[in-house]
Protein backbone atom coordinates (compact mmCIF):
# COMPACT_ATOMS: atom_id res chain seq x y z
CA MET A 1 -16.86 -2.95 7.67
CA ASN A 2 -13.45 -3.27 6.01
CA VAL A 3 -11.61 0.05 5.84
CA VAL A 4 -8.36 0.85 4.02
CA VAL A 5 -6.56 4.01 5.14
CA LYS A 6 -3.72 5.46 3.10
CA VAL A 7 -1.49 8.13 4.60
CA GLY A 8 1.08 9.97 2.51
CA THR A 9 4.67 10.92 3.21
CA THR A 10 3.88 14.56 3.96
CA SER A 11 1.31 13.44 6.54
CA VAL A 12 3.62 11.19 8.55
CA THR A 13 6.85 13.22 8.42
CA ASP A 14 7.80 16.73 9.47
CA SER A 15 9.38 19.44 7.35
CA HIS A 16 12.84 17.94 7.91
CA GLY A 17 11.81 14.49 6.71
CA GLU A 18 11.77 13.00 10.19
CA ILE A 19 8.89 10.72 11.14
CA SER A 20 6.30 12.72 13.07
CA LEU A 21 5.47 10.74 16.19
CA THR A 22 2.49 13.01 16.80
CA ALA A 23 1.03 12.40 13.35
CA VAL A 24 1.43 8.62 13.54
CA GLU A 25 -0.02 8.59 17.07
CA LYS A 26 -3.09 10.53 15.90
CA LEU A 27 -3.62 8.12 13.03
CA CYS A 28 -3.23 5.04 15.22
CA THR A 29 -5.56 6.48 17.87
CA GLU A 30 -8.24 6.87 15.19
CA VAL A 31 -7.54 3.37 13.86
CA ALA A 32 -8.04 2.09 17.40
CA GLY A 33 -11.34 3.96 17.55
CA LEU A 34 -12.58 2.20 14.42
CA ARG A 35 -11.39 -1.13 15.75
CA GLY A 36 -13.33 -0.44 18.94
CA SER A 37 -16.45 -0.13 16.79
CA HIS A 38 -15.71 -3.56 15.25
CA HIS A 39 -14.36 -2.28 11.94
CA ARG A 40 -11.36 -3.99 10.36
CA VAL A 41 -8.63 -1.60 9.24
CA VAL A 42 -5.67 -1.83 6.88
CA VAL A 43 -3.16 1.03 6.92
CA VAL A 44 -1.21 1.78 3.74
CA THR A 45 1.64 4.08 4.63
CA SER A 46 4.32 6.01 2.81
CA GLY A 47 7.40 7.44 4.48
CA ALA A 48 10.14 4.79 4.37
CA ILE A 49 12.40 6.81 2.11
CA SER A 50 11.77 10.06 3.99
CA ALA A 51 12.41 8.25 7.25
CA GLY A 52 15.75 7.01 5.94
CA LEU A 53 16.98 10.33 4.53
CA PRO A 54 17.93 11.99 7.86
CA VAL A 55 19.72 8.86 9.07
CA MET A 56 21.85 8.93 5.93
CA GLY A 57 22.57 12.63 6.31
CA LEU A 58 20.40 13.57 3.33
CA SER A 59 17.67 15.63 4.99
CA GLY A 60 15.97 18.03 2.61
CA SER A 61 17.30 16.44 -0.58
CA ARG A 62 15.74 13.39 -2.20
CA PRO A 63 18.14 11.51 -4.52
CA SER A 64 16.81 10.64 -7.95
CA ASP A 65 18.69 7.42 -8.76
CA LEU A 66 16.84 4.19 -8.07
CA ALA A 67 19.66 2.30 -6.31
CA THR A 68 20.14 5.05 -3.71
CA LEU A 69 16.41 5.36 -3.11
CA GLN A 70 16.16 1.59 -2.60
CA ALA A 71 19.03 1.65 -0.11
CA ILE A 72 17.49 4.55 1.81
CA SER A 73 14.14 2.75 1.87
CA ALA A 74 15.81 -0.31 3.41
CA VAL A 75 17.19 1.94 6.17
CA GLY A 76 13.94 3.80 6.72
CA GLN A 77 11.32 1.05 6.46
CA HIS A 78 12.02 -0.67 9.78
CA ARG A 79 12.26 2.71 11.52
CA LEU A 80 8.87 3.67 10.13
CA MET A 81 7.39 0.33 11.16
CA ARG A 82 8.79 0.63 14.67
CA VAL A 83 6.87 3.88 15.16
CA TYR A 84 3.63 2.25 14.00
CA ASP A 85 4.22 -0.78 16.17
CA ASP A 86 4.78 1.35 19.27
CA ALA A 87 1.79 3.62 18.55
CA LEU A 88 -0.64 0.74 17.92
CA SER A 89 0.60 -1.26 20.90
CA ARG A 90 -0.30 1.64 23.19
CA HIS A 91 -3.90 0.93 22.18
CA GLY A 92 -3.57 -2.82 22.68
CA LEU A 93 -3.29 -3.48 18.94
CA VAL A 94 -0.77 -5.57 17.02
CA ALA A 95 0.79 -4.29 13.79
CA GLY A 96 1.72 -6.61 10.95
CA GLN A 97 4.12 -5.40 8.26
CA VAL A 98 3.15 -6.28 4.68
CA LEU A 99 5.39 -5.21 1.78
CA LEU A 100 3.78 -5.54 -1.64
CA ALA A 101 4.97 -5.30 -5.23
CA PRO A 102 3.00 -4.84 -8.46
CA LEU A 103 3.38 -8.48 -9.47
CA ASP A 104 1.44 -9.44 -6.34
CA PHE A 105 -1.64 -8.09 -8.13
CA VAL A 106 -0.91 -9.32 -11.65
CA HIS A 107 -0.38 -13.05 -11.18
CA ARG A 108 -3.41 -14.84 -9.80
CA SER A 109 -1.44 -17.11 -7.46
CA GLN A 110 0.36 -14.10 -5.97
CA TYR A 111 -2.89 -12.17 -5.73
CA LEU A 112 -4.63 -14.99 -3.89
CA HIS A 113 -1.67 -15.42 -1.57
CA ALA A 114 -1.58 -11.70 -0.75
CA ARG A 115 -5.34 -11.68 -0.18
CA GLN A 116 -5.15 -14.74 2.04
CA THR A 117 -2.40 -13.17 4.14
CA LEU A 118 -4.19 -9.85 4.59
CA MET A 119 -7.56 -11.43 5.37
CA ARG A 120 -5.98 -13.80 7.89
CA LEU A 121 -4.23 -10.89 9.60
CA LEU A 122 -7.58 -9.11 9.87
CA ASP A 123 -9.25 -12.26 11.17
CA LEU A 124 -6.57 -12.47 13.88
CA GLY A 125 -7.24 -8.90 14.95
CA VAL A 126 -3.97 -7.56 13.53
CA VAL A 127 -3.71 -4.15 11.87
CA PRO A 128 -1.81 -4.74 8.58
CA VAL A 129 0.58 -1.89 7.82
CA VAL A 130 1.26 -1.99 4.09
CA ASN A 131 3.97 -0.31 2.02
CA GLU A 132 5.45 -0.89 -1.40
CA ASN A 133 8.56 -3.05 -1.30
CA ASP A 134 10.74 -0.14 -2.42
CA ALA A 135 14.02 -1.79 -1.46
CA VAL A 136 13.75 -4.39 -4.23
CA ALA A 137 11.10 -3.00 -6.61
CA ASP A 138 12.23 -2.77 -10.22
CA ASP A 139 11.88 0.70 -11.72
CA GLU A 140 10.02 -0.76 -14.71
CA ILE A 141 7.26 -2.34 -12.65
CA ARG A 142 7.10 -0.41 -9.37
CA PHE A 143 4.02 1.59 -8.44
CA GLY A 144 5.90 4.81 -7.66
CA ASP A 145 3.34 5.95 -5.10
CA ASN A 146 1.16 4.26 -2.52
CA ASP A 147 -2.16 5.70 -3.69
CA ARG A 148 -2.55 3.02 -6.34
CA ILE A 149 -1.37 0.34 -3.93
CA ALA A 150 -4.07 1.47 -1.50
CA ALA A 151 -6.74 1.19 -4.21
CA LEU A 152 -5.56 -2.29 -5.14
CA VAL A 153 -5.47 -3.33 -1.48
CA ALA A 154 -9.03 -2.01 -1.11
CA HIS A 155 -10.01 -4.34 -3.94
CA LEU A 156 -7.97 -7.15 -2.41
CA VAL A 157 -9.76 -7.08 0.96
CA SER A 158 -13.19 -6.14 -0.46
CA ALA A 159 -13.13 -2.85 1.41
CA ASP A 160 -16.23 -0.76 1.94
CA VAL A 161 -14.32 2.52 2.23
CA LEU A 162 -10.90 3.75 1.09
CA VAL A 163 -9.71 6.85 2.97
CA LEU A 164 -6.89 8.75 1.26
CA LEU A 165 -5.35 11.08 3.84
CA THR A 166 -3.34 14.02 2.59
CA ASP A 167 -2.22 17.53 3.55
CA THR A 168 -5.32 19.25 2.13
CA ALA A 169 -9.00 19.02 3.01
CA GLY A 170 -9.84 17.27 -0.24
CA MET A 171 -10.00 18.26 -3.89
CA PHE A 172 -10.72 21.89 -4.65
CA THR A 173 -12.01 23.68 -7.72
CA ALA A 174 -8.52 25.25 -7.99
CA ASP A 175 -5.24 25.08 -6.10
CA PRO A 176 -6.10 26.62 -2.69
CA ARG A 177 -2.45 27.53 -2.14
CA ILE A 178 -2.62 30.11 -4.93
CA ASP A 179 -6.34 30.78 -5.40
CA SER A 180 -8.24 32.14 -2.41
CA GLU A 181 -11.53 31.59 -4.24
CA ALA A 182 -11.00 27.81 -4.50
CA SER A 183 -13.77 25.76 -2.90
CA LEU A 184 -13.91 22.17 -1.74
CA ILE A 185 -15.57 19.63 -4.03
CA ASP A 186 -17.75 17.59 -1.68
CA GLU A 187 -18.71 14.79 -4.05
CA ILE A 188 -17.54 13.32 -7.36
CA LEU A 189 -19.74 10.85 -9.20
CA GLU A 190 -17.28 10.04 -11.99
CA VAL A 191 -13.52 10.60 -12.14
CA ASP A 192 -12.47 11.21 -15.72
CA ALA A 193 -9.15 12.02 -17.36
CA ALA A 194 -9.94 15.75 -17.51
CA LEU A 195 -10.56 15.87 -13.76
CA GLU A 196 -7.32 13.99 -13.09
CA ALA A 197 -5.37 16.38 -15.32
CA ALA A 198 -6.87 19.39 -13.53
CA ALA A 199 -5.71 18.02 -10.18
CA GLY A 200 -2.03 18.76 -10.91
CA ALA A 201 1.07 17.12 -9.47
CA SER A 202 2.66 16.66 -6.06
CA GLY A 203 3.20 19.87 -4.15
CA ASP A 204 5.95 18.62 -1.87
CA VAL A 205 9.44 17.28 -2.59
CA ARG A 206 9.04 14.57 0.04
CA GLY A 207 6.02 12.97 -1.63
CA SER A 208 5.79 11.01 -4.86
CA GLY A 209 2.06 11.37 -5.35
CA GLY A 210 -0.28 14.36 -5.49
CA MET A 211 -3.98 15.09 -5.96
CA ALA A 212 -3.92 13.58 -9.45
CA SER A 213 -2.51 10.38 -7.98
CA LYS A 214 -5.24 10.32 -5.36
CA LEU A 215 -7.95 10.87 -7.93
CA ALA A 216 -6.51 8.03 -10.01
CA ALA A 217 -6.61 5.81 -6.92
CA ALA A 218 -10.17 6.93 -6.18
CA ARG A 219 -11.12 6.05 -9.75
CA MET A 220 -9.63 2.57 -9.27
CA ALA A 221 -11.59 2.23 -6.03
CA ALA A 222 -14.80 3.32 -7.76
CA TRP A 223 -14.31 0.61 -10.40
CA SER A 224 -13.86 -1.83 -7.49
CA GLY A 225 -17.19 -0.85 -5.96
CA VAL A 226 -15.46 0.98 -3.10
CA THR A 227 -16.34 4.45 -1.80
CA ALA A 228 -13.25 6.66 -1.65
CA VAL A 229 -12.75 9.73 0.54
CA ILE A 230 -9.92 12.23 0.10
CA ALA A 231 -9.48 14.16 3.34
CA SER A 232 -6.99 15.95 5.56
CA ALA A 233 -4.86 13.81 7.85
CA THR A 234 -4.88 16.61 10.44
CA ARG A 235 -8.68 16.85 10.69
CA PRO A 236 -9.82 15.65 14.15
CA GLY A 237 -11.69 12.35 13.94
CA VAL A 238 -11.22 12.19 10.18
CA LEU A 239 -11.39 8.38 9.93
CA GLU A 240 -14.67 8.06 11.83
CA SER A 241 -16.14 10.96 9.85
CA ALA A 242 -15.10 9.34 6.56
CA VAL A 243 -16.38 5.89 7.46
CA TYR A 244 -19.74 7.18 8.66
CA GLY A 245 -20.19 9.62 5.78
CA GLU A 246 -20.14 12.85 7.75
CA PRO A 247 -20.85 15.82 5.43
CA GLY A 248 -17.87 18.05 4.73
CA VAL A 249 -15.25 15.49 5.75
CA GLY A 250 -13.51 15.86 2.38
CA THR A 251 -14.12 14.85 -1.21
CA VAL A 252 -16.20 11.69 -1.56
CA ILE A 253 -15.92 9.65 -4.77
CA ARG A 254 -18.89 7.37 -5.30
CA PRO A 255 -18.42 3.76 -6.48
CA ARG A 256 -19.59 2.36 -9.79
CA ASP A 257 -22.14 -0.44 -9.96
CA ARG A 258 -19.82 -2.71 -11.96
CA ARG A 259 -16.79 -4.19 -10.17
CA LEU A 260 -13.69 -5.04 -12.20
CA PRO A 261 -11.66 -8.17 -11.43
CA ALA A 262 -8.26 -7.45 -9.87
CA ARG A 263 -6.24 -8.25 -12.99
CA LYS A 264 -8.35 -5.99 -15.18
CA LEU A 265 -8.14 -3.26 -12.55
CA TRP A 266 -4.36 -3.53 -12.83
CA ILE A 267 -4.46 -3.36 -16.64
CA ALA A 268 -6.84 -0.40 -16.66
CA PHE A 269 -5.22 1.84 -14.09
CA ALA A 270 -1.96 0.58 -12.64
CA VAL A 271 0.22 -0.15 -15.65
CA GLY A 272 1.32 2.59 -18.05
CA SER A 273 0.44 2.58 -21.75
CA SER A 274 3.23 2.01 -24.28
CA GLY A 275 1.23 2.92 -27.37
CA ARG A 276 -2.16 3.34 -28.97
CA ILE A 277 -4.15 1.26 -31.44
CA THR A 278 -6.92 2.93 -33.42
CA VAL A 279 -9.78 0.72 -34.61
CA ASP A 280 -12.69 1.16 -36.97
CA GLY A 281 -16.33 1.43 -35.96
CA GLY A 282 -17.05 -2.25 -36.47
CA ALA A 283 -14.19 -3.33 -34.24
CA ARG A 284 -15.23 -0.84 -31.59
CA GLU A 285 -18.74 -2.26 -31.56
CA ALA A 286 -17.38 -5.83 -31.37
CA LEU A 287 -15.16 -4.94 -28.40
CA VAL A 288 -17.71 -2.86 -26.51
CA GLY A 289 -21.01 -4.47 -27.43
CA SER A 290 -20.07 -8.10 -27.91
CA GLY A 291 -17.03 -8.56 -25.69
CA ARG A 292 -14.88 -9.84 -28.56
CA SER A 293 -11.11 -9.99 -28.89
CA LEU A 294 -9.35 -7.49 -31.13
CA LEU A 295 -8.27 -8.87 -34.51
CA PRO A 296 -6.08 -7.17 -37.15
CA ALA A 297 -8.96 -6.65 -39.59
CA GLY A 298 -10.48 -3.98 -37.37
CA ILE A 299 -7.24 -2.07 -36.78
CA VAL A 300 -6.71 1.22 -38.59
CA SER A 301 -3.30 2.15 -37.18
CA ALA A 302 -0.85 1.56 -34.35
CA VAL A 303 1.50 4.13 -32.81
CA GLY A 304 4.21 3.73 -30.19
CA ASP A 305 7.04 1.26 -29.69
CA PHE A 306 5.47 -1.58 -27.72
CA ALA A 307 6.36 -5.22 -27.22
CA ALA A 308 4.18 -8.28 -26.66
CA ASP A 309 2.43 -8.12 -23.25
CA ASP A 310 2.74 -4.33 -23.03
CA ALA A 311 -0.35 -2.27 -22.27
CA VAL A 312 -1.80 -0.08 -25.01
CA GLU A 313 -4.76 2.25 -25.29
CA VAL A 314 -7.49 1.48 -27.82
CA ALA A 315 -9.16 4.41 -29.59
CA GLY A 316 -12.15 4.57 -31.90
CA PRO A 317 -12.43 6.33 -35.28
CA ASP A 318 -13.02 9.63 -33.47
CA GLY A 319 -9.73 9.32 -31.59
CA HIS A 320 -11.44 8.81 -28.24
CA VAL A 321 -9.76 6.18 -26.04
CA PHE A 322 -12.42 3.73 -24.94
CA ALA A 323 -10.39 0.69 -23.84
CA LYS A 324 -7.01 -0.53 -22.71
CA GLY A 325 -5.40 -3.94 -22.99
CA LEU A 326 -2.32 -6.09 -23.18
CA VAL A 327 -1.12 -6.76 -26.73
CA ARG A 328 0.05 -10.17 -27.89
CA HIS A 329 2.27 -8.85 -30.70
CA PRO A 330 4.92 -6.12 -30.99
CA SER A 331 4.10 -2.76 -32.57
CA ALA A 332 5.81 -3.44 -35.89
CA ARG A 333 3.77 -6.59 -36.46
CA VAL A 334 0.51 -4.94 -35.41
CA ALA A 335 1.15 -2.05 -37.81
CA GLU A 336 2.01 -4.50 -40.61
CA TRP A 337 -1.13 -6.55 -39.99
CA ALA A 338 -3.51 -3.58 -39.63
CA GLY A 339 -6.64 -4.02 -41.74
CA ARG A 340 -5.78 -7.54 -42.92
CA ARG A 341 -8.05 -10.54 -42.47
CA SER A 342 -6.92 -13.79 -40.87
CA ALA A 343 -6.68 -15.58 -44.24
CA GLU A 344 -4.02 -13.08 -45.30
CA LEU A 345 -1.85 -13.57 -42.19
CA PRO A 346 0.90 -16.12 -41.40
CA ALA A 347 -0.60 -19.31 -40.01
CA GLU A 348 2.21 -19.87 -37.48
CA PHE A 349 1.14 -16.87 -35.35
CA SER A 350 -1.97 -16.30 -33.27
CA HIS A 351 -4.04 -13.63 -35.00
CA VAL A 352 -5.47 -12.16 -31.82
CA VAL A 353 -3.92 -8.75 -31.10
CA ILE A 354 -5.66 -8.19 -27.73
CA HIS A 355 -7.56 -11.08 -26.18
CA ARG A 356 -10.83 -10.17 -24.51
CA ASP A 357 -9.47 -11.50 -21.19
CA ASP A 358 -6.73 -8.86 -21.41
CA LEU A 359 -9.00 -6.00 -22.50
CA VAL A 360 -10.80 -3.46 -20.29
CA VAL A 361 -13.56 -1.30 -21.77
CA LEU A 362 -13.36 2.08 -20.04
CA SER A 363 -16.22 3.88 -21.72
CA GLY A 364 -19.13 3.22 -24.00
CA ALA A 365 -20.16 0.04 -22.18
């Protein structure tokens, strides 16, 4: 079984931002246990920036400017990796550092290369330790948290289970820090936007994610055919419990039957929307039922300031967003062309607004 384990910043560092040797040792001991049962494990870890803060004399305060964060990440990444290397080596395991960027999942050649590297590391018995390449990531295209990277890596290595370790026991019906009546949600069959919104934001200044981020990652995993488990990093034997489906281990998100290709997974969940196109009922049926490309004739309106190749949401006449895709024309042109047939449009331009290869139907399929 291929297992991807993601551990967040708050789970690998202490309250001062220092790397917690105890926490990393616990994680690596459990990774070694899975390896002893012939499972192949990829670890996706946060913590490079938090590991660099104390060294730079910035404990307790996380800078907000990108250049400083990138510099701190460069200082902290090798320190973080050294801890993993030492902890895994005590169990006779070899760690392999893999730094990924969003473009590694967008371009097919990069995707195949990243997949080849990770699969070869697993074949060689290495434990890949993955992080985002924060030191050089551009603010416009970076992931911003490792939950989505973990979901994409789970797709990349055809994982069976994605375990998202955090500082809570899973997702609750309310915030357990302020509501004593909150109860753990054991199982989620479908992650929707309302559930993600109810999850809230990060509860710790050291982390960039939060429960909403984990649910979004779990949703990506579900669309990849991967079971996701959100559980506490401090729970004894949490990885084995998650992999073997032990009741009460955390919140389990069940996979969908249909598996999206990597590029469409990226379009659907990893890249932000720059606008919204509303279409009529006929266009909606053509996109959902027939797998067609979106043409101007079916467009009712376009809002937002987007450029060619930006991602936009696609809504039906009722305002419900049912798809997302990459546009081939800027917003001004799309708005100008809305409702017009191909014969009425300039011949020197392609008339396709969103090609079916760049469109993901999210509901109504």
